[in-house]
Every structure is written in structure tokens, then in C-alpha cells.
Amino acid sequence: MIFDAGTEAAFSVRYGCLVRSAGLKDLTFHDLRHEATSRLAKLLPNPLDLKHVAGKHDLKSLDRYYQPVPEDISRQIEDAKRVLGMLAEDENPKE
């Protein structure tokens, strides 16, 4: 655990107090987890890595937290093409 808040109930009470004192409404801990997982997914495009970092037991459970947008998928494809192009150049060096 990153922050030792004692029991789950104590954490829940403390979180609720912090949200209210910040003047926020309807911000659940789940909202924070969803946002964090979505941001991590942009840094960790491998779903197996994301699953482990996010503390999920299976890939299906990531569906709830991460829904990539088309721009994210396009970026990952372009990144993969770049890497594959570099690998192809390494295998066939120009003379």
C-alpha cells in the first residue's frame, strides 16, 4: 500500500473528507483508479504489463478501466511501425 490509511473504512472516511474539503462532488475512488489506469495505458501499451501494474487479476478486468480512443491505437501502430522499420534496417544494413 502506498499510503497507510489503516483500515478500509478509515481510508473511505478520510477520502470522503478530502473530497468534500476540496469542494468536489461525485468523485469516487473508482474515478481516480479509472483515470490512473487510462493514463498508464498510454505509457504501457502492452496489456499484460498494464494488468500487473494496475493490480488486476485478468485482462477482462481492464475493460472496465481502460477504453482506448482511436488516436491512442493509431499512435501505438505508428510506434510499432517505427520499431519494425528500425529492426528491418538492422537486419539489412546498407552498404
PDB file of N, CA and C in Angstrom:
ATOM      1  N   MET A   1       0.847  -1.173   0.000  1.00  0.00           N
ATOM      2  CA  MET A   1       0.000   0.000   0.000  1.00  0.00           C
ATOM      3  C   MET A   1       0.897   1.243   0.000  1.00  0.00           C
ATOM      4  N   ILE A   2       0.566   2.187  -0.832  1.00  0.00           N
ATOM      5  CA  ILE A   2       1.366   3.404  -0.932  1.00  0.00           C
ATOM      6  C   ILE A   2       1.125   4.309   0.269  1.00  0.00           C
ATOM      7  N   PHE A   3      -0.120   4.496   0.637  1.00  0.00           N
ATOM      8  CA  PHE A   3      -0.467   5.348   1.769  1.00  0.00           C
ATOM      9  C   PHE A   3      -1.109   4.479   2.836  1.00  0.00           C
ATOM     10  N   ASP A   4      -0.532   4.481   4.019  1.00  0.00           N
ATOM     11  CA  ASP A   4      -1.104   3.685   5.099  1.00  0.00           C
ATOM     12  C   ASP A   4      -2.223   4.483   5.756  1.00  0.00           C
ATOM     13  N   ALA A   5      -3.454   4.107   5.435  1.00  0.00           N
ATOM     14  CA  ALA A   5      -4.617   4.803   5.994  1.00  0.00           C
ATOM     15  C   ALA A   5      -5.318   3.943   7.030  1.00  0.00           C
ATOM     16  N   GLY A   6      -4.655   2.880   7.464  1.00  0.00           N
ATOM     17  CA  GLY A   6      -5.284   1.997   8.434  1.00  0.00           C
ATOM     18  C   GLY A   6      -6.261   1.061   7.753  1.00  0.00           C
ATOM     19  N   THR A   7      -7.457   1.004   8.268  1.00  0.00           N
ATOM     20  CA  THR A   7      -8.461   0.094   7.725  1.00  0.00           C
ATOM     21  C   THR A   7      -9.100   0.679   6.463  1.00  0.00           C
ATOM     22  N   GLU A   8      -9.801  -0.176   5.743  1.00  0.00           N
ATOM     23  CA  GLU A   8     -10.520   0.279   4.549  1.00  0.00           C
ATOM     24  C   GLU A   8     -11.567   1.330   4.923  1.00  0.00           C
ATOM     25  N   ALA A   9     -12.231   1.120   6.044  1.00  0.00           N
ATOM     26  CA  ALA A   9     -13.250   2.078   6.493  1.00  0.00           C
ATOM     27  C   ALA A   9     -12.613   3.432   6.818  1.00  0.00           C
ATOM     28  N   ALA A  10     -11.447   3.413   7.469  1.00  0.00           N
ATOM     29  CA  ALA A  10     -10.757   4.661   7.807  1.00  0.00           C
ATOM     30  C   ALA A  10     -10.334   5.393   6.537  1.00  0.00           C
ATOM     31  N   PHE A  11      -9.855   4.640   5.562  1.00  0.00           N
ATOM     32  CA  PHE A  11      -9.473   5.250   4.286  1.00  0.00           C
ATOM     33  C   PHE A  11     -10.683   5.890   3.621  1.00  0.00           C
ATOM     34  N   SER A  12     -11.788   5.183   3.626  1.00  0.00           N
ATOM     35  CA  SER A  12     -13.008   5.679   2.995  1.00  0.00           C
ATOM     36  C   SER A  12     -13.474   6.984   3.639  1.00  0.00           C
ATOM     37  N   VAL A  13     -13.441   7.035   4.964  1.00  0.00           N
ATOM     38  CA  VAL A  13     -13.849   8.248   5.680  1.00  0.00           C
ATOM     39  C   VAL A  13     -12.899   9.395   5.348  1.00  0.00           C
ATOM     40  N   ARG A  14     -11.608   9.129   5.390  1.00  0.00           N
ATOM     41  CA  ARG A  14     -10.609  10.172   5.105  1.00  0.00           C
ATOM     42  C   ARG A  14     -10.751  10.666   3.667  1.00  0.00           C
ATOM     43  N   TYR A  15     -10.932   9.754   2.732  1.00  0.00           N
ATOM     44  CA  TYR A  15     -11.091  10.131   1.324  1.00  0.00           C
ATOM     45  C   TYR A  15     -12.322  11.027   1.156  1.00  0.00           C
ATOM     46  N   GLY A  16     -13.426  10.643   1.774  1.00  0.00           N
ATOM     47  CA  GLY A  16     -14.651  11.442   1.699  1.00  0.00           C
ATOM     48  C   GLY A  16     -14.449  12.848   2.244  1.00  0.00           C
ATOM     49  N   CYS A  17     -13.733  12.962   3.351  1.00  0.00           N
ATOM     50  CA  CYS A  17     -13.454  14.284   3.936  1.00  0.00           C
ATOM     51  C   CYS A  17     -12.607  15.132   2.993  1.00  0.00           C
ATOM     52  N   LEU A  18     -11.599  14.528   2.383  1.00  0.00           N
ATOM     53  CA  LEU A  18     -10.729  15.267   1.463  1.00  0.00           C
ATOM     54  C   LEU A  18     -11.488  15.738   0.228  1.00  0.00           C
ATOM     55  N   VAL A  19     -12.343  14.879  -0.309  1.00  0.00           N
ATOM     56  CA  VAL A  19     -13.130  15.247  -1.496  1.00  0.00           C
ATOM     57  C   VAL A  19     -14.052  16.418  -1.169  1.00  0.00           C
ATOM     58  N   ARG A  20     -14.733  16.328  -0.037  1.00  0.00           N
ATOM     59  CA  ARG A  20     -15.642  17.413   0.357  1.00  0.00           C
ATOM     60  C   ARG A  20     -14.880  18.709   0.632  1.00  0.00           C
ATOM     61  N   SER A  21     -13.739  18.603   1.305  1.00  0.00           N
ATOM     62  CA  SER A  21     -12.979  19.822   1.629  1.00  0.00           C
ATOM     63  C   SER A  21     -12.413  20.477   0.370  1.00  0.00           C
ATOM     64  N   ALA A  22     -12.232  19.701  -0.688  1.00  0.00           N
ATOM     65  CA  ALA A  22     -11.767  20.259  -1.965  1.00  0.00           C
ATOM     66  C   ALA A  22     -12.918  20.841  -2.775  1.00  0.00           C
ATOM     67  N   GLY A  23     -14.140  20.678  -2.268  1.00  0.00           N
ATOM     68  CA  GLY A  23     -15.310  21.214  -2.965  1.00  0.00           C
ATOM     69  C   GLY A  23     -15.727  20.384  -4.164  1.00  0.00           C
ATOM     70  N   LEU A  24     -15.322  19.131  -4.179  1.00  0.00           N
ATOM     71  CA  LEU A  24     -15.667  18.246  -5.297  1.00  0.00           C
ATOM     72  C   LEU A  24     -16.932  17.465  -4.975  1.00  0.00           C
ATOM     73  N   LYS A  25     -17.674  17.158  -6.011  1.00  0.00           N
ATOM     74  CA  LYS A  25     -18.884  16.358  -5.832  1.00  0.00           C
ATOM     75  C   LYS A  25     -18.801  15.144  -6.742  1.00  0.00           C
ATOM     76  N   ASP A  26     -19.301  14.049  -6.265  1.00  0.00           N
ATOM     77  CA  ASP A  26     -19.386  12.820  -7.056  1.00  0.00           C
ATOM     78  C   ASP A  26     -18.036  12.342  -7.585  1.00  0.00           C
ATOM     79  N   LEU A  27     -16.970  12.500  -6.818  1.00  0.00           N
ATOM     80  CA  LEU A  27     -15.664  11.974  -7.207  1.00  0.00           C
ATOM     81  C   LEU A  27     -15.380  10.758  -6.340  1.00  0.00           C
ATOM     82  N   THR A  28     -15.486   9.589  -6.931  1.00  0.00           N
ATOM     83  CA  THR A  28     -15.268   8.358  -6.182  1.00  0.00           C
ATOM     84  C   THR A  28     -13.826   7.902  -6.334  1.00  0.00           C
ATOM     85  N   PHE A  29     -13.426   7.006  -5.452  1.00  0.00           N
ATOM     86  CA  PHE A  29     -12.092   6.426  -5.569  1.00  0.00           C
ATOM     87  C   PHE A  29     -11.986   5.662  -6.887  1.00  0.00           C
ATOM     88  N   HIS A  30     -13.078   5.049  -7.303  1.00  0.00           N
ATOM     89  CA  HIS A  30     -13.103   4.343  -8.588  1.00  0.00           C
ATOM     90  C   HIS A  30     -12.772   5.302  -9.731  1.00  0.00           C
ATOM     91  N   ASP A  31     -13.254   6.541  -9.667  1.00  0.00           N
ATOM     92  CA  ASP A  31     -12.943   7.535 -10.702  1.00  0.00           C
ATOM     93  C   ASP A  31     -11.438   7.755 -10.804  1.00  0.00           C
ATOM     94  N   LEU A  32     -10.776   7.843  -9.659  1.00  0.00           N
ATOM     95  CA  LEU A  32      -9.327   8.039  -9.653  1.00  0.00           C
ATOM     96  C   LEU A  32      -8.607   6.834 -10.235  1.00  0.00           C
ATOM     97  N   ARG A  33      -9.073   5.652  -9.873  1.00  0.00           N
ATOM     98  CA  ARG A  33      -8.453   4.427 -10.385  1.00  0.00           C
ATOM     99  C   ARG A  33      -8.633   4.332 -11.896  1.00  0.00           C
ATOM    100  N   HIS A  34      -9.812   4.680 -12.375  1.00  0.00           N
ATOM    101  CA  HIS A  34     -10.096   4.665 -13.811  1.00  0.00           C
ATOM    102  C   HIS A  34      -9.151   5.624 -14.545  1.00  0.00           C
ATOM    103  N   GLU A  35      -9.024   6.827 -14.034  1.00  0.00           N
ATOM    104  CA  GLU A  35      -8.159   7.835 -14.663  1.00  0.00           C
ATOM    105  C   GLU A  35      -6.701   7.389 -14.653  1.00  0.00           C
ATOM    106  N   ALA A  36      -6.242   6.880 -13.523  1.00  0.00           N
ATOM    107  CA  ALA A  36      -4.854   6.426 -13.423  1.00  0.00           C
ATOM    108  C   ALA A  36      -4.576   5.283 -14.394  1.00  0.00           C
ATOM    109  N   THR A  37      -5.489   4.327 -14.487  1.00  0.00           N
ATOM    110  CA  THR A  37      -5.301   3.197 -15.395  1.00  0.00           C
ATOM    111  C   THR A  37      -5.316   3.662 -16.844  1.00  0.00           C
ATOM    112  N   SER A  38      -6.177   4.596 -17.174  1.00  0.00           N
ATOM    113  CA  SER A  38      -6.222   5.130 -18.539  1.00  0.00           C
ATOM    114  C   SER A  38      -4.920   5.829 -18.895  1.00  0.00           C
ATOM    115  N   ARG A  39      -4.371   6.581 -17.963  1.00  0.00           N
ATOM    116  CA  ARG A  39      -3.096   7.264 -18.224  1.00  0.00           C
ATOM    117  C   ARG A  39      -1.948   6.273 -18.325  1.00  0.00           C
ATOM    118  N   LEU A  40      -1.944   5.274 -17.447  1.00  0.00           N
ATOM    119  CA  LEU A  40      -0.904   4.247 -17.510  1.00  0.00           C
ATOM    120  C   LEU A  40      -0.951   3.486 -18.829  1.00  0.00           C
ATOM    121  N   ALA A  41      -2.143   3.271 -19.348  1.00  0.00           N
ATOM    122  CA  ALA A  41      -2.295   2.524 -20.594  1.00  0.00           C
ATOM    123  C   ALA A  41      -1.590   3.224 -21.752  1.00  0.00           C
ATOM    124  N   LYS A  42      -1.494   4.542 -21.697  1.00  0.00           N
ATOM    125  CA  LYS A  42      -0.793   5.275 -22.756  1.00  0.00           C
ATOM    126  C   LYS A  42       0.715   5.088 -22.645  1.00  0.00           C
ATOM    127  N   LEU A  43       1.188   4.814 -21.438  1.00  0.00           N
ATOM    128  CA  LEU A  43       2.616   4.597 -21.218  1.00  0.00           C
ATOM    129  C   LEU A  43       3.001   3.132 -21.348  1.00  0.00           C
ATOM    130  N   LEU A  44       2.052   2.254 -21.078  1.00  0.00           N
ATOM    131  CA  LEU A  44       2.292   0.808 -21.112  1.00  0.00           C
ATOM    132  C   LEU A  44       1.330   0.158 -22.101  1.00  0.00           C
ATOM    133  N   PRO A  45       1.634   0.223 -23.396  1.00  0.00           N
ATOM    134  CA  PRO A  45       0.694  -0.313 -24.376  1.00  0.00           C
ATOM    135  C   PRO A  45       0.532  -1.836 -24.319  1.00  0.00           C
ATOM    136  N   ASN A  46       1.450  -2.533 -23.658  1.00  0.00           N
ATOM    137  CA  ASN A  46       1.319  -3.980 -23.524  1.00  0.00           C
ATOM    138  C   ASN A  46       0.287  -4.265 -22.429  1.00  0.00           C
ATOM    139  N   PRO A  47      -0.849  -4.871 -22.782  1.00  0.00           N
ATOM    140  CA  PRO A  47      -1.901  -5.098 -21.784  1.00  0.00           C
ATOM    141  C   PRO A  47      -1.468  -5.990 -20.624  1.00  0.00           C
ATOM    142  N   LEU A  48      -0.515  -6.886 -20.851  1.00  0.00           N
ATOM    143  CA  LEU A  48      -0.045  -7.729 -19.748  1.00  0.00           C
ATOM    144  C   LEU A  48       0.716  -6.895 -18.721  1.00  0.00           C
ATOM    145  N   ASP A  49       1.543  -5.963 -19.201  1.00  0.00           N
ATOM    146  CA  ASP A  49       2.245  -5.069 -18.278  1.00  0.00           C
ATOM    147  C   ASP A  49       1.251  -4.197 -17.524  1.00  0.00           C
ATOM    148  N   LEU A  50       0.288  -3.654 -18.249  1.00  0.00           N
ATOM    149  CA  LEU A  50      -0.726  -2.799 -17.633  1.00  0.00           C
ATOM    150  C   LEU A  50      -1.502  -3.566 -16.565  1.00  0.00           C
ATOM    151  N   LYS A  51      -1.840  -4.803 -16.865  1.00  0.00           N
ATOM    152  CA  LYS A  51      -2.585  -5.637 -15.913  1.00  0.00           C
ATOM    153  C   LYS A  51      -1.818  -5.765 -14.594  1.00  0.00           C
ATOM    154  N   HIS A  52      -0.527  -6.021 -14.687  1.00  0.00           N
ATOM    155  CA  HIS A  52       0.273  -6.195 -13.469  1.00  0.00           C
ATOM    156  C   HIS A  52       0.431  -4.887 -12.697  1.00  0.00           C
ATOM    157  N   VAL A  53       0.713  -3.801 -13.410  1.00  0.00           N
ATOM    158  CA  VAL A  53       0.906  -2.513 -12.742  1.00  0.00           C
ATOM    159  C   VAL A  53      -0.389  -2.040 -12.088  1.00  0.00           C
ATOM    160  N   ALA A  54      -1.511  -2.271 -12.760  1.00  0.00           N
ATOM    161  CA  ALA A  54      -2.808  -1.832 -12.229  1.00  0.00           C
ATOM    162  C   ALA A  54      -3.342  -2.777 -11.155  1.00  0.00           C
ATOM    163  N   GLY A  55      -2.664  -3.896 -10.935  1.00  0.00           N
ATOM    164  CA  GLY A  55      -3.088  -4.828  -9.896  1.00  0.00           C
ATOM    165  C   GLY A  55      -4.319  -5.637 -10.251  1.00  0.00           C
ATOM    166  N   LYS A  56      -4.492  -5.898 -11.537  1.00  0.00           N
ATOM    167  CA  LYS A  56      -5.645  -6.681 -11.998  1.00  0.00           C
ATOM    168  C   LYS A  56      -5.265  -8.156 -12.077  1.00  0.00           C
ATOM    169  N   HIS A  57      -6.265  -9.015 -11.917  1.00  0.00           N
ATOM    170  CA  HIS A  57      -6.017 -10.451 -11.955  1.00  0.00           C
ATOM    171  C   HIS A  57      -6.129 -11.025 -13.358  1.00  0.00           C
ATOM    172  N   ASP A  58      -6.883 -10.368 -14.214  1.00  0.00           N
ATOM    173  CA  ASP A  58      -7.025 -10.855 -15.588  1.00  0.00           C
ATOM    174  C   ASP A  58      -7.241  -9.676 -16.535  1.00  0.00           C
ATOM    175  N   LEU A  59      -7.073  -9.945 -17.820  1.00  0.00           N
ATOM    176  CA  LEU A  59      -7.211  -8.881 -18.817  1.00  0.00           C
ATOM    177  C   LEU A  59      -8.640  -8.365 -18.914  1.00  0.00           C
ATOM    178  N   LYS A  60      -9.606  -9.224 -18.687  1.00  0.00           N
ATOM    179  CA  LYS A  60     -11.009  -8.818 -18.779  1.00  0.00           C
ATOM    180  C   LYS A  60     -11.318  -7.681 -17.799  1.00  0.00           C
ATOM    181  N   SER A  61     -10.691  -7.722 -16.643  1.00  0.00           N
ATOM    182  CA  SER A  61     -10.968  -6.685 -15.650  1.00  0.00           C
ATOM    183  C   SER A  61     -10.443  -5.315 -16.077  1.00  0.00           C
ATOM    184  N   LEU A  62      -9.533  -5.268 -17.041  1.00  0.00           N
ATOM    185  CA  LEU A  62      -9.066  -3.973 -17.552  1.00  0.00           C
ATOM    186  C   LEU A  62     -10.127  -3.282 -18.392  1.00  0.00           C
ATOM    187  N   ASP A  63     -11.047  -4.041 -18.963  1.00  0.00           N
ATOM    188  CA  ASP A  63     -12.089  -3.454 -19.816  1.00  0.00           C
ATOM    189  C   ASP A  63     -12.867  -2.359 -19.093  1.00  0.00           C
ATOM    190  N   ARG A  64     -13.042  -2.528 -17.808  1.00  0.00           N
ATOM    191  CA  ARG A  64     -13.818  -1.554 -17.033  1.00  0.00           C
ATOM    192  C   ARG A  64     -13.086  -0.220 -16.887  1.00  0.00           C
ATOM    193  N   TYR A  65     -11.768  -0.290 -16.866  1.00  0.00           N
ATOM    194  CA  TYR A  65     -10.979   0.899 -16.576  1.00  0.00           C
ATOM    195  C   TYR A  65     -10.344   1.554 -17.791  1.00  0.00           C
ATOM    196  N   TYR A  66     -10.147   0.813 -18.855  1.00  0.00           N
ATOM    197  CA  TYR A  66      -9.409   1.372 -19.994  1.00  0.00           C
ATOM    198  C   TYR A  66     -10.156   1.135 -21.286  1.00  0.00           C
ATOM    199  N   GLN A  67     -10.554   2.226 -21.909  1.00  0.00           N
ATOM    200  CA  GLN A  67     -11.178   2.176 -23.227  1.00  0.00           C
ATOM    201  C   GLN A  67     -10.356   3.096 -24.126  1.00  0.00           C
ATOM    202  N   PRO A  68      -9.442   2.520 -24.909  1.00  0.00           N
ATOM    203  CA  PRO A  68      -8.579   3.366 -25.737  1.00  0.00           C
ATOM    204  C   PRO A  68      -9.380   4.117 -26.793  1.00  0.00           C
ATOM    205  N   VAL A  69      -8.944   5.320 -27.064  1.00  0.00           N
ATOM    206  CA  VAL A  69      -9.560   6.113 -28.127  1.00  0.00           C
ATOM    207  C   VAL A  69      -8.792   5.833 -29.417  1.00  0.00           C
ATOM    208  N   PRO A  70      -9.406   6.053 -30.571  1.00  0.00           N
ATOM    209  CA  PRO A  70      -8.738   5.750 -31.845  1.00  0.00           C
ATOM    210  C   PRO A  70      -7.349   6.386 -31.972  1.00  0.00           C
ATOM    211  N   GLU A  71      -7.173   7.590 -31.436  1.00  0.00           N
ATOM    212  CA  GLU A  71      -5.872   8.255 -31.521  1.00  0.00           C
ATOM    213  C   GLU A  71      -4.792   7.461 -30.786  1.00  0.00           C
ATOM    214  N   ASP A  72      -5.158   6.855 -29.653  1.00  0.00           N
ATOM    215  CA  ASP A  72      -4.194   6.046 -28.904  1.00  0.00           C
ATOM    216  C   ASP A  72      -3.775   4.823 -29.713  1.00  0.00           C
ATOM    217  N   ILE A  73      -4.738   4.168 -30.338  1.00  0.00           N
ATOM    218  CA  ILE A  73      -4.444   2.979 -31.141  1.00  0.00           C
ATOM    219  C   ILE A  73      -3.576   3.363 -32.337  1.00  0.00           C
ATOM    220  N   SER A  74      -3.901   4.468 -32.997  1.00  0.00           N
ATOM    221  CA  SER A  74      -3.109   4.926 -34.146  1.00  0.00           C
ATOM    222  C   SER A  74      -1.670   5.212 -33.740  1.00  0.00           C
ATOM    223  N   ARG A  75      -1.503   5.860 -32.593  1.00  0.00           N
ATOM    224  CA  ARG A  75      -0.153   6.167 -32.110  1.00  0.00           C
ATOM    225  C   ARG A  75       0.629   4.889 -31.846  1.00  0.00           C
ATOM    226  N   GLN A  76      -0.022   3.897 -31.248  1.00  0.00           N
ATOM    227  CA  GLN A  76       0.653   2.637 -30.965  1.00  0.00           C
ATOM    228  C   GLN A  76       1.045   1.918 -32.253  1.00  0.00           C
ATOM    229  N   ILE A  77       0.191   1.976 -33.256  1.00  0.00           N
ATOM    230  CA  ILE A  77       0.509   1.354 -34.549  1.00  0.00           C
ATOM    231  C   ILE A  77       1.704   2.055 -35.183  1.00  0.00           C
ATOM    232  N   GLU A  78       1.708   3.381 -35.161  1.00  0.00           N
ATOM    233  CA  GLU A  78       2.834   4.134 -35.731  1.00  0.00           C
ATOM    234  C   GLU A  78       4.124   3.843 -34.975  1.00  0.00           C
ATOM    235  N   ASP A  79       4.049   3.741 -33.654  1.00  0.00           N
ATOM    236  CA  ASP A  79       5.231   3.398 -32.858  1.00  0.00           C
ATOM    237  C   ASP A  79       5.751   2.016 -33.241  1.00  0.00           C
ATOM    238  N   ALA A  80       4.841   1.062 -33.407  1.00  0.00           N
ATOM    239  CA  ALA A  80       5.235  -0.298 -33.788  1.00  0.00           C
ATOM    240  C   ALA A  80       5.871  -0.308 -35.176  1.00  0.00           C
ATOM    241  N   LYS A  81       5.313   0.440 -36.114  1.00  0.00           N
ATOM    242  CA  LYS A  81       5.887   0.518 -37.467  1.00  0.00           C
ATOM    243  C   LYS A  81       7.305   1.075 -37.415  1.00  0.00           C
ATOM    244  N   ARG A  82       7.504   2.096 -36.591  1.00  0.00           N
ATOM    245  CA  ARG A  82       8.824   2.702 -36.461  1.00  0.00           C
ATOM    246  C   ARG A  82       9.831   1.679 -35.925  1.00  0.00           C
ATOM    247  N   VAL A  83       9.435   0.949 -34.892  1.00  0.00           N
ATOM    248  CA  VAL A  83      10.320  -0.057 -34.308  1.00  0.00           C
ATOM    249  C   VAL A  83      10.607  -1.161 -35.317  1.00  0.00           C
ATOM    250  N   LEU A  84       9.576  -1.632 -36.006  1.00  0.00           N
ATOM    251  CA  LEU A  84       9.778  -2.689 -37.003  1.00  0.00           C
ATOM    252  C   LEU A  84      10.669  -2.206 -38.139  1.00  0.00           C
ATOM    253  N   GLY A  85      10.526  -0.958 -38.525  1.00  0.00           N
ATOM    254  CA  GLY A  85      11.389  -0.391 -39.558  1.00  0.00           C
ATOM    255  C   GLY A  85      12.839  -0.355 -39.118  1.00  0.00           C
ATOM    256  N   MET A  86      13.082  -0.002 -37.871  1.00  0.00           N
ATOM    257  CA  MET A  86      14.447   0.022 -37.342  1.00  0.00           C
ATOM    258  C   MET A  86      15.024  -1.384 -37.301  1.00  0.00           C
ATOM    259  N   LEU A  87      14.208  -2.364 -36.917  1.00  0.00           N
ATOM    260  CA  LEU A  87      14.677  -3.746 -36.876  1.00  0.00           C
ATOM    261  C   LEU A  87      15.026  -4.238 -38.273  1.00  0.00           C
ATOM    262  N   ALA A  88      14.194  -3.896 -39.252  1.00  0.00           N
ATOM    263  CA  ALA A  88      14.451  -4.315 -40.632  1.00  0.00           C
ATOM    264  C   ALA A  88      15.748  -3.693 -41.137  1.00  0.00           C
ATOM    265  N   GLU A  89      16.011  -2.438 -40.793  1.00  0.00           N
ATOM    266  CA  GLU A  89      17.250  -1.784 -41.202  1.00  0.00           C
ATOM    267  C   GLU A  89      18.451  -2.461 -40.563  1.00  0.00           C
ATOM    268  N   ASP A  90      18.328  -2.893 -39.307  1.00  0.00           N
ATOM    269  CA  ASP A  90      19.427  -3.580 -38.625  1.00  0.00           C
ATOM    270  C   ASP A  90      19.730  -4.918 -39.275  1.00  0.00           C
ATOM    271  N   GLU A  91      18.704  -5.601 -39.768  1.00  0.00           N
ATOM    272  CA  GLU A  91      18.896  -6.908 -40.397  1.00  0.00           C
ATOM    273  C   GLU A  91      19.453  -6.784 -41.804  1.00  0.00           C
ATOM    274  N   ASN A  92      19.183  -5.681 -42.474  1.00  0.00           N
ATOM    275  CA  ASN A  92      19.638  -5.452 -43.849  1.00  0.00           C
ATOM    276  C   ASN A  92      20.423  -4.143 -43.918  1.00  0.00           C
ATOM    277  N   PRO A  93      21.644  -4.130 -43.357  1.00  0.00           N
ATOM    278  CA  PRO A  93      22.398  -2.875 -43.358  1.00  0.00           C
ATOM    279  C   PRO A  93      22.741  -2.434 -44.778  1.00  0.00           C
ATOM    280  N   LYS A  94      22.707  -1.121 -44.979  1.00  0.00           N
ATOM    281  CA  LYS A  94      23.052  -0.564 -46.287  1.00  0.00           C
ATOM    282  C   LYS A  94      24.564  -0.562 -46.434  1.00  0.00           C
ATOM    283  N   GLU A  95      25.005  -0.901 -47.623  1.00  0.00           N
ATOM    284  CA  GLU A  95      26.457  -0.953 -47.856  1.00  0.00           C
ATOM    285  C   GLU A  95      26.964   0.311 -48.459  1.00  0.00           C
TER     286      GLU A  95
END
